[in-house]
């Protein structure tokens, strides 16, 4: 009987952990995209100033 109660709880814990990992991965991906965009925009601004756009 004890076995019966433990399983759903463990499953829930695993799902929670996965959810957390997915959220962290998403945040990381967003950070990467944002930093790339920022770099891209600053390269563009520098490029425009030099009349030579660097961001393709």
C-alpha atoms as a PDB file:
ATOM      1  CA  UNK A   1       0.000   0.000   0.000  1.00  0.00           C
ATOM      2  CA  UNK A   2       2.855   2.359   0.796  1.00  0.00           C
ATOM      3  CA  UNK A   3       4.230   1.634  -2.647  1.00  0.00           C
ATOM      4  CA  UNK A   4       1.057   2.986  -4.175  1.00  0.00           C
ATOM      5  CA  UNK A   5       1.373   6.372  -2.533  1.00  0.00           C
ATOM      6  CA  UNK A   6       5.049   6.918  -3.290  1.00  0.00           C
ATOM      7  CA  UNK A   7       4.908   6.506  -7.049  1.00  0.00           C
ATOM      8  CA  UNK A   8       2.654   9.439  -8.052  1.00  0.00           C
ATOM      9  CA  UNK A   9       4.591  11.679  -5.724  1.00  0.00           C
ATOM     10  CA  UNK A  10       7.891  10.660  -7.279  1.00  0.00           C
ATOM     11  CA  UNK A  11       6.423  11.126 -10.737  1.00  0.00           C
ATOM     12  CA  UNK A  12       5.240  14.587  -9.739  1.00  0.00           C
ATOM     13  CA  UNK A  13       8.711  15.424  -8.440  1.00  0.00           C
ATOM     14  CA  UNK A  14      10.295  14.280 -11.711  1.00  0.00           C
ATOM     15  CA  UNK A  15       7.811  16.347 -13.713  1.00  0.00           C
ATOM     16  CA  UNK A  16       8.492  19.358 -11.507  1.00  0.00           C
ATOM     17  CA  UNK A  17      12.238  18.949 -12.018  1.00  0.00           C
ATOM     18  CA  UNK A  18      11.800  18.663 -15.781  1.00  0.00           C
ATOM     19  CA  UNK A  19       9.590  21.737 -15.783  1.00  0.00           C
ATOM     20  CA  UNK A  20      12.243  23.641 -13.867  1.00  0.00           C
ATOM     21  CA  UNK A  21      14.970  22.525 -16.253  1.00  0.00           C
ATOM     22  CA  UNK A  22      12.867  23.527 -19.256  1.00  0.00           C
ATOM     23  CA  UNK A  23      12.250  26.948 -17.751  1.00  0.00           C
ATOM     24  CA  UNK A  24      15.959  27.418 -17.068  1.00  0.00           C
ATOM     25  CA  UNK A  25      16.820  26.287 -20.589  1.00  0.00           C
ATOM     26  CA  UNK A  26      14.266  28.726 -21.984  1.00  0.00           C
ATOM     27  CA  UNK A  27      15.700  31.586 -19.939  1.00  0.00           C
ATOM     28  CA  UNK A  28      19.184  30.636 -21.099  1.00  0.00           C
ATOM     29  CA  UNK A  29      18.054  30.552 -24.731  1.00  0.00           C
ATOM     30  CA  UNK A  30      16.383  33.949 -24.342  1.00  0.00           C
ATOM     31  CA  UNK A  31      19.567  35.331 -22.770  1.00  0.00           C
ATOM     32  CA  UNK A  32      21.642  34.014 -25.673  1.00  0.00           C
ATOM     33  CA  UNK A  33      19.247  35.463 -28.265  1.00  0.00           C
ATOM     34  CA  UNK A  34      19.097  38.810 -26.481  1.00  0.00           C
ATOM     35  CA  UNK A  35      22.873  39.050 -26.129  1.00  0.00           C
ATOM     36  CA  UNK A  36      23.320  38.092 -29.789  1.00  0.00           C
ATOM     37  CA  UNK A  37      20.757  40.687 -30.837  1.00  0.00           C
ATOM     38  CA  UNK A  38      22.422  43.305 -28.659  1.00  0.00           C
ATOM     39  CA  UNK A  39      25.789  42.430 -30.169  1.00  0.00           C
ATOM     40  CA  UNK A  40      24.220  42.488 -33.616  1.00  0.00           C
ATOM     41  CA  UNK A  41      22.629  45.897 -33.053  1.00  0.00           C
ATOM     42  CA  UNK A  42      25.813  47.391 -31.598  1.00  0.00           C
ATOM     43  CA  UNK A  43      27.766  45.956 -34.544  1.00  0.00           C
ATOM     44  CA  UNK A  44      25.200  47.511 -36.871  1.00  0.00           C
ATOM     45  CA  UNK A  45      25.483  50.890 -35.162  1.00  0.00           C
ATOM     46  CA  UNK A  46      29.280  50.705 -35.322  1.00  0.00           C
ATOM     47  CA  UNK A  47      29.003  49.575 -38.932  1.00  0.00           C
ATOM     48  CA  UNK A  48      26.702  52.465 -39.829  1.00  0.00           C
ATOM     49  CA  UNK A  49      29.116  54.863 -38.153  1.00  0.00           C
ATOM     50  CA  UNK A  50      31.912  53.358 -40.240  1.00  0.00           C
ATOM     51  CA  UNK A  51      29.600  53.040 -43.281  1.00  0.00           C
ATOM     52  CA  UNK A  52      30.183  49.289 -43.204  1.00  0.00           C
ATOM     53  CA  UNK A  53      27.412  47.157 -41.613  1.00  0.00           C
ATOM     54  CA  UNK A  54      28.864  44.103 -39.884  1.00  0.00           C
ATOM     55  CA  UNK A  55      25.645  42.329 -38.985  1.00  0.00           C
ATOM     56  CA  UNK A  56      24.392  40.052 -41.734  1.00  0.00           C
END
